Amino acid sequence: MEDREPSITYSEMSNYCSCAAKGVMKKFTVKELILFESKITAASKEDELKIAAANEKFMNIIASCAAKLYE
């Protein structure tokens, strides 16, 4: 796991992670999540982010949670 960006506080990171987890639980079915995770797990390090970025549902969750950091 990458180190936390120093400009983001622990509290902000915790809120972001909580938001992302809740979003995934609300928007994904278990089957969708297992398939999504299996694609990422099977991918090379270089392709992991490409796979995540290609998933519109996931990116909407991430964008929404990131926006909440700056509200």
PDB file of N, CA and C in Angstrom:
ATOM      1  N   MET A   1       0.831  -1.169   0.000  1.00  0.00           N
ATOM      2  CA  MET A   1       0.000   0.000   0.000  1.00  0.00           C
ATOM      3  C   MET A   1       0.883   1.242   0.000  1.00  0.00           C
ATOM      4  N   GLU A   2       0.461   2.225  -0.745  1.00  0.00           N
ATOM      5  CA  GLU A   2       1.222   3.464  -0.832  1.00  0.00           C
ATOM      6  C   GLU A   2       1.074   4.265   0.460  1.00  0.00           C
ATOM      7  N   ASP A   3       2.066   5.104   0.732  1.00  0.00           N
ATOM      8  CA  ASP A   3       1.984   5.978   1.895  1.00  0.00           C
ATOM      9  C   ASP A   3       0.936   7.054   1.654  1.00  0.00           C
ATOM     10  N   ARG A   4       0.382   7.547   2.730  1.00  0.00           N
ATOM     11  CA  ARG A   4      -0.621   8.605   2.667  1.00  0.00           C
ATOM     12  C   ARG A   4       0.031   9.894   2.195  1.00  0.00           C
ATOM     13  N   GLU A   5      -0.694  10.633   1.355  1.00  0.00           N
ATOM     14  CA  GLU A   5      -0.243  11.948   0.888  1.00  0.00           C
ATOM     15  C   GLU A   5      -0.129  12.850   2.116  1.00  0.00           C
ATOM     16  N   PRO A   6       1.023  13.495   2.340  1.00  0.00           N
ATOM     17  CA  PRO A   6       1.214  14.288   3.560  1.00  0.00           C
ATOM     18  C   PRO A   6       0.236  15.455   3.714  1.00  0.00           C
ATOM     19  N   SER A   7      -0.322  15.952   2.616  1.00  0.00           N
ATOM     20  CA  SER A   7      -1.243  17.081   2.722  1.00  0.00           C
ATOM     21  C   SER A   7      -2.645  16.648   3.129  1.00  0.00           C
ATOM     22  N   ILE A   8      -2.891  15.341   3.192  1.00  0.00           N
ATOM     23  CA  ILE A   8      -4.190  14.820   3.604  1.00  0.00           C
ATOM     24  C   ILE A   8      -4.068  14.304   5.029  1.00  0.00           C
ATOM     25  N   THR A   9      -4.928  14.800   5.897  1.00  0.00           N
ATOM     26  CA  THR A   9      -4.865  14.392   7.299  1.00  0.00           C
ATOM     27  C   THR A   9      -5.401  12.973   7.468  1.00  0.00           C
ATOM     28  N   TYR A  10      -5.100  12.390   8.607  1.00  0.00           N
ATOM     29  CA  TYR A  10      -5.609  11.062   8.920  1.00  0.00           C
ATOM     30  C   TYR A  10      -7.133  11.072   8.913  1.00  0.00           C
ATOM     31  N   SER A  11      -7.727  12.096   9.471  1.00  0.00           N
ATOM     32  CA  SER A  11      -9.185  12.210   9.533  1.00  0.00           C
ATOM     33  C   SER A  11      -9.790  12.292   8.125  1.00  0.00           C
ATOM     34  N   GLU A  12      -9.175  13.082   7.256  1.00  0.00           N
ATOM     35  CA  GLU A  12      -9.657  13.185   5.877  1.00  0.00           C
ATOM     36  C   GLU A  12      -9.539  11.847   5.158  1.00  0.00           C
ATOM     37  N   MET A  13      -8.432  11.159   5.358  1.00  0.00           N
ATOM     38  CA  MET A  13      -8.231   9.859   4.727  1.00  0.00           C
ATOM     39  C   MET A  13      -9.253   8.856   5.250  1.00  0.00           C
ATOM     40  N   SER A  14      -9.498   8.883   6.544  1.00  0.00           N
ATOM     41  CA  SER A  14     -10.480   7.993   7.143  1.00  0.00           C
ATOM     42  C   SER A  14     -11.874   8.260   6.573  1.00  0.00           C
ATOM     43  N   ASN A  15     -12.239   9.535   6.454  1.00  0.00           N
ATOM     44  CA  ASN A  15     -13.545   9.889   5.893  1.00  0.00           C
ATOM     45  C   ASN A  15     -13.660   9.450   4.439  1.00  0.00           C
ATOM     46  N   TYR A  16     -12.598   9.650   3.675  1.00  0.00           N
ATOM     47  CA  TYR A  16     -12.581   9.249   2.267  1.00  0.00           C
ATOM     48  C   TYR A  16     -12.732   7.729   2.134  1.00  0.00           C
ATOM     49  N   CYS A  17     -11.974   6.980   2.905  1.00  0.00           N
ATOM     50  CA  CYS A  17     -12.034   5.519   2.841  1.00  0.00           C
ATOM     51  C   CYS A  17     -13.403   5.004   3.261  1.00  0.00           C
ATOM     52  N   SER A  18     -13.970   5.602   4.296  1.00  0.00           N
ATOM     53  CA  SER A  18     -15.295   5.218   4.750  1.00  0.00           C
ATOM     54  C   SER A  18     -16.336   5.498   3.671  1.00  0.00           C
ATOM     55  N   CYS A  19     -16.246   6.649   3.048  1.00  0.00           N
ATOM     56  CA  CYS A  19     -17.157   7.017   1.961  1.00  0.00           C
ATOM     57  C   CYS A  19     -17.034   6.032   0.802  1.00  0.00           C
ATOM     58  N   ALA A  20     -15.818   5.715   0.412  1.00  0.00           N
ATOM     59  CA  ALA A  20     -15.594   4.792  -0.705  1.00  0.00           C
ATOM     60  C   ALA A  20     -16.139   3.402  -0.381  1.00  0.00           C
ATOM     61  N   ALA A  21     -15.893   2.929   0.828  1.00  0.00           N
ATOM     62  CA  ALA A  21     -16.384   1.606   1.231  1.00  0.00           C
ATOM     63  C   ALA A  21     -17.914   1.569   1.221  1.00  0.00           C
ATOM     64  N   LYS A  22     -18.537   2.606   1.756  1.00  0.00           N
ATOM     65  CA  LYS A  22     -19.999   2.664   1.761  1.00  0.00           C
ATOM     66  C   LYS A  22     -20.545   2.720   0.333  1.00  0.00           C
ATOM     67  N   GLY A  23     -19.880   3.496  -0.523  1.00  0.00           N
ATOM     68  CA  GLY A  23     -20.310   3.599  -1.914  1.00  0.00           C
ATOM     69  C   GLY A  23     -20.230   2.264  -2.632  1.00  0.00           C
ATOM     70  N   VAL A  24     -19.150   1.543  -2.414  1.00  0.00           N
ATOM     71  CA  VAL A  24     -18.985   0.229  -3.044  1.00  0.00           C
ATOM     72  C   VAL A  24     -20.059  -0.721  -2.535  1.00  0.00           C
ATOM     73  N   MET A  25     -20.339  -0.691  -1.246  1.00  0.00           N
ATOM     74  CA  MET A  25     -21.350  -1.586  -0.686  1.00  0.00           C
ATOM     75  C   MET A  25     -22.746  -1.271  -1.230  1.00  0.00           C
ATOM     76  N   LYS A  26     -23.016   0.006  -1.494  1.00  0.00           N
ATOM     77  CA  LYS A  26     -24.337   0.399  -2.001  1.00  0.00           C
ATOM     78  C   LYS A  26     -24.487   0.139  -3.497  1.00  0.00           C
ATOM     79  N   LYS A  27     -23.430   0.347  -4.267  1.00  0.00           N
ATOM     80  CA  LYS A  27     -23.533   0.355  -5.731  1.00  0.00           C
ATOM     81  C   LYS A  27     -23.188  -0.971  -6.408  1.00  0.00           C
ATOM     82  N   PHE A  28     -22.390  -1.797  -5.767  1.00  0.00           N
ATOM     83  CA  PHE A  28     -21.967  -3.059  -6.372  1.00  0.00           C
ATOM     84  C   PHE A  28     -22.734  -4.229  -5.772  1.00  0.00           C
ATOM     85  N   THR A  29     -23.051  -5.197  -6.599  1.00  0.00           N
ATOM     86  CA  THR A  29     -23.524  -6.473  -6.071  1.00  0.00           C
ATOM     87  C   THR A  29     -22.279  -7.253  -5.657  1.00  0.00           C
ATOM     88  N   VAL A  30     -22.464  -8.289  -4.884  1.00  0.00           N
ATOM     89  CA  VAL A  30     -21.329  -9.119  -4.469  1.00  0.00           C
ATOM     90  C   VAL A  30     -20.658  -9.713  -5.710  1.00  0.00           C
ATOM     91  N   LYS A  31     -21.454 -10.184  -6.654  1.00  0.00           N
ATOM     92  CA  LYS A  31     -20.903 -10.778  -7.876  1.00  0.00           C
ATOM     93  C   LYS A  31     -20.072  -9.757  -8.660  1.00  0.00           C
ATOM     94  N   GLU A  32     -20.589  -8.543  -8.812  1.00  0.00           N
ATOM     95  CA  GLU A  32     -19.844  -7.494  -9.528  1.00  0.00           C
ATOM     96  C   GLU A  32     -18.523  -7.196  -8.837  1.00  0.00           C
ATOM     97  N   LEU A  33     -18.560  -7.100  -7.532  1.00  0.00           N
ATOM     98  CA  LEU A  33     -17.351  -6.773  -6.777  1.00  0.00           C
ATOM     99  C   LEU A  33     -16.312  -7.882  -6.881  1.00  0.00           C
ATOM    100  N   ILE A  34     -16.753  -9.126  -6.788  1.00  0.00           N
ATOM    101  CA  ILE A  34     -15.816 -10.247  -6.914  1.00  0.00           C
ATOM    102  C   ILE A  34     -15.178 -10.254  -8.301  1.00  0.00           C
ATOM    103  N   LEU A  35     -15.965 -10.038  -9.341  1.00  0.00           N
ATOM    104  CA  LEU A  35     -15.417  -9.998 -10.705  1.00  0.00           C
ATOM    105  C   LEU A  35     -14.446  -8.833 -10.880  1.00  0.00           C
ATOM    106  N   PHE A  36     -14.814  -7.666 -10.362  1.00  0.00           N
ATOM    107  CA  PHE A  36     -13.964  -6.479 -10.448  1.00  0.00           C
ATOM    108  C   PHE A  36     -12.636  -6.720  -9.731  1.00  0.00           C
ATOM    109  N   GLU A  37     -12.709  -7.227  -8.514  1.00  0.00           N
ATOM    110  CA  GLU A  37     -11.494  -7.499  -7.738  1.00  0.00           C
ATOM    111  C   GLU A  37     -10.638  -8.573  -8.391  1.00  0.00           C
ATOM    112  N   SER A  38     -11.272  -9.579  -8.977  1.00  0.00           N
ATOM    113  CA  SER A  38     -10.491 -10.644  -9.619  1.00  0.00           C
ATOM    114  C   SER A  38      -9.745 -10.124 -10.840  1.00  0.00           C
ATOM    115  N   LYS A  39     -10.346  -9.187 -11.567  1.00  0.00           N
ATOM    116  CA  LYS A  39      -9.654  -8.585 -12.712  1.00  0.00           C
ATOM    117  C   LYS A  39      -8.433  -7.797 -12.248  1.00  0.00           C
ATOM    118  N   ILE A  40      -8.610  -7.040 -11.179  1.00  0.00           N
ATOM    119  CA  ILE A  40      -7.493  -6.245 -10.650  1.00  0.00           C
ATOM    120  C   ILE A  40      -6.391  -7.156 -10.113  1.00  0.00           C
ATOM    121  N   THR A  41      -6.774  -8.189  -9.384  1.00  0.00           N
ATOM    122  CA  THR A  41      -5.806  -9.114  -8.805  1.00  0.00           C
ATOM    123  C   THR A  41      -5.008  -9.841  -9.875  1.00  0.00           C
ATOM    124  N   ALA A  42      -5.657 -10.188 -10.974  1.00  0.00           N
ATOM    125  CA  ALA A  42      -4.989 -10.927 -12.046  1.00  0.00           C
ATOM    126  C   ALA A  42      -4.126 -10.026 -12.935  1.00  0.00           C
ATOM    127  N   ALA A  43      -4.301  -8.724 -12.823  1.00  0.00           N
ATOM    128  CA  ALA A  43      -3.598  -7.786 -13.699  1.00  0.00           C
ATOM    129  C   ALA A  43      -2.167  -7.538 -13.224  1.00  0.00           C
ATOM    130  N   SER A  44      -1.374  -7.068 -14.148  1.00  0.00           N
ATOM    131  CA  SER A  44      -0.013  -6.639 -13.792  1.00  0.00           C
ATOM    132  C   SER A  44      -0.119  -5.333 -12.998  1.00  0.00           C
ATOM    133  N   LYS A  45       0.942  -4.989 -12.302  1.00  0.00           N
ATOM    134  CA  LYS A  45       0.971  -3.735 -11.535  1.00  0.00           C
ATOM    135  C   LYS A  45       0.652  -2.540 -12.432  1.00  0.00           C
ATOM    136  N   GLU A  46       1.148  -2.570 -13.652  1.00  0.00           N
ATOM    137  CA  GLU A  46       0.945  -1.465 -14.585  1.00  0.00           C
ATOM    138  C   GLU A  46      -0.519  -1.340 -15.007  1.00  0.00           C
ATOM    139  N   ASP A  47      -1.247  -2.456 -15.023  1.00  0.00           N
ATOM    140  CA  ASP A  47      -2.631  -2.449 -15.503  1.00  0.00           C
ATOM    141  C   ASP A  47      -3.684  -2.329 -14.405  1.00  0.00           C
ATOM    142  N   GLU A  48      -3.299  -2.457 -13.148  1.00  0.00           N
ATOM    143  CA  GLU A  48      -4.278  -2.395 -12.062  1.00  0.00           C
ATOM    144  C   GLU A  48      -5.078  -1.096 -12.090  1.00  0.00           C
ATOM    145  N   LEU A  49      -4.395   0.034 -12.197  1.00  0.00           N
ATOM    146  CA  LEU A  49      -5.089   1.319 -12.211  1.00  0.00           C
ATOM    147  C   LEU A  49      -5.922   1.505 -13.468  1.00  0.00           C
ATOM    148  N   LYS A  50      -5.458   0.974 -14.583  1.00  0.00           N
ATOM    149  CA  LYS A  50      -6.230   1.072 -15.825  1.00  0.00           C
ATOM    150  C   LYS A  50      -7.561   0.337 -15.685  1.00  0.00           C
ATOM    151  N   ILE A  51      -7.544  -0.812 -15.060  1.00  0.00           N
ATOM    152  CA  ILE A  51      -8.765  -1.592 -14.857  1.00  0.00           C
ATOM    153  C   ILE A  51      -9.715  -0.849 -13.919  1.00  0.00           C
ATOM    154  N   ALA A  52      -9.179  -0.326 -12.839  1.00  0.00           N
ATOM    155  CA  ALA A  52     -10.021   0.419 -11.896  1.00  0.00           C
ATOM    156  C   ALA A  52     -10.618   1.650 -12.576  1.00  0.00           C
ATOM    157  N   ALA A  53      -9.811   2.373 -13.338  1.00  0.00           N
ATOM    158  CA  ALA A  53     -10.279   3.586 -14.003  1.00  0.00           C
ATOM    159  C   ALA A  53     -11.305   3.293 -15.093  1.00  0.00           C
ATOM    160  N   ALA A  54     -11.271   2.108 -15.647  1.00  0.00           N
ATOM    161  CA  ALA A  54     -12.215   1.740 -16.704  1.00  0.00           C
ATOM    162  C   ALA A  54     -13.595   1.390 -16.159  1.00  0.00           C
ATOM    163  N   ASN A  55     -13.703   1.198 -14.844  1.00  0.00           N
ATOM    164  CA  ASN A  55     -14.986   0.845 -14.250  1.00  0.00           C
ATOM    165  C   ASN A  55     -15.729   2.128 -13.864  1.00  0.00           C
ATOM    166  N   GLU A  56     -16.749   2.456 -14.637  1.00  0.00           N
ATOM    167  CA  GLU A  56     -17.475   3.716 -14.444  1.00  0.00           C
ATOM    168  C   GLU A  56     -18.124   3.810 -13.065  1.00  0.00           C
ATOM    169  N   LYS A  57     -18.694   2.736 -12.604  1.00  0.00           N
ATOM    170  CA  LYS A  57     -19.354   2.722 -11.302  1.00  0.00           C
ATOM    171  C   LYS A  57     -18.342   3.051 -10.197  1.00  0.00           C
ATOM    172  N   PHE A  58     -17.179   2.410 -10.256  1.00  0.00           N
ATOM    173  CA  PHE A  58     -16.133   2.639  -9.268  1.00  0.00           C
ATOM    174  C   PHE A  58     -15.623   4.081  -9.330  1.00  0.00           C
ATOM    175  N   MET A  59     -15.393   4.577 -10.533  1.00  0.00           N
ATOM    176  CA  MET A  59     -14.868   5.935 -10.683  1.00  0.00           C
ATOM    177  C   MET A  59     -15.868   6.987 -10.206  1.00  0.00           C
ATOM    178  N   ASN A  60     -17.154   6.747 -10.378  1.00  0.00           N
ATOM    179  CA  ASN A  60     -18.164   7.674  -9.860  1.00  0.00           C
ATOM    180  C   ASN A  60     -18.123   7.727  -8.337  1.00  0.00           C
ATOM    181  N   ILE A  61     -17.936   6.579  -7.715  1.00  0.00           N
ATOM    182  CA  ILE A  61     -17.829   6.525  -6.254  1.00  0.00           C
ATOM    183  C   ILE A  61     -16.599   7.307  -5.795  1.00  0.00           C
ATOM    184  N   ILE A  62     -15.472   7.051  -6.436  1.00  0.00           N
ATOM    185  CA  ILE A  62     -14.214   7.709  -6.062  1.00  0.00           C
ATOM    186  C   ILE A  62     -14.312   9.221  -6.251  1.00  0.00           C
ATOM    187  N   ALA A  63     -14.887   9.645  -7.378  1.00  0.00           N
ATOM    188  CA  ALA A  63     -15.025  11.077  -7.657  1.00  0.00           C
ATOM    189  C   ALA A  63     -15.925  11.749  -6.619  1.00  0.00           C
ATOM    190  N   SER A  64     -17.004  11.097  -6.272  1.00  0.00           N
ATOM    191  CA  SER A  64     -17.930  11.650  -5.290  1.00  0.00           C
ATOM    192  C   SER A  64     -17.258  11.789  -3.921  1.00  0.00           C
ATOM    193  N   CYS A  65     -16.547  10.771  -3.511  1.00  0.00           N
ATOM    194  CA  CYS A  65     -15.872  10.810  -2.206  1.00  0.00           C
ATOM    195  C   CYS A  65     -14.728  11.822  -2.201  1.00  0.00           C
ATOM    196  N   ALA A  66     -14.000  11.931  -3.286  1.00  0.00           N
ATOM    197  CA  ALA A  66     -12.912  12.914  -3.368  1.00  0.00           C
ATOM    198  C   ALA A  66     -13.472  14.327  -3.301  1.00  0.00           C
ATOM    199  N   ALA A  67     -14.608  14.557  -3.952  1.00  0.00           N
ATOM    200  CA  ALA A  67     -15.226  15.883  -3.924  1.00  0.00           C
ATOM    201  C   ALA A  67     -15.629  16.262  -2.505  1.00  0.00           C
ATOM    202  N   LYS A  68     -16.063  15.289  -1.715  1.00  0.00           N
ATOM    203  CA  LYS A  68     -16.470  15.556  -0.335  1.00  0.00           C
ATOM    204  C   LYS A  68     -15.301  16.028   0.527  1.00  0.00           C
ATOM    205  N   LEU A  69     -14.088  15.660   0.145  1.00  0.00           N
ATOM    206  CA  LEU A  69     -12.905  16.125   0.890  1.00  0.00           C
ATOM    207  C   LEU A  69     -12.756  17.635   0.823  1.00  0.00           C
ATOM    208  N   TYR A  70     -13.246  18.229  -0.262  1.00  0.00           N
ATOM    209  CA  TYR A  70     -13.025  19.653  -0.499  1.00  0.00           C
ATOM    210  C   TYR A  70     -14.276  20.486  -0.335  1.00  0.00           C
ATOM    211  N   GLU A  71     -15.333  19.888   0.227  1.00  0.00           N
ATOM    212  CA  GLU A  71     -16.571  20.662   0.478  1.00  0.00           C
ATOM    213  C   GLU A  71     -16.424  21.518   1.707  1.00  0.00           C
TER     214      GLU A  71
END
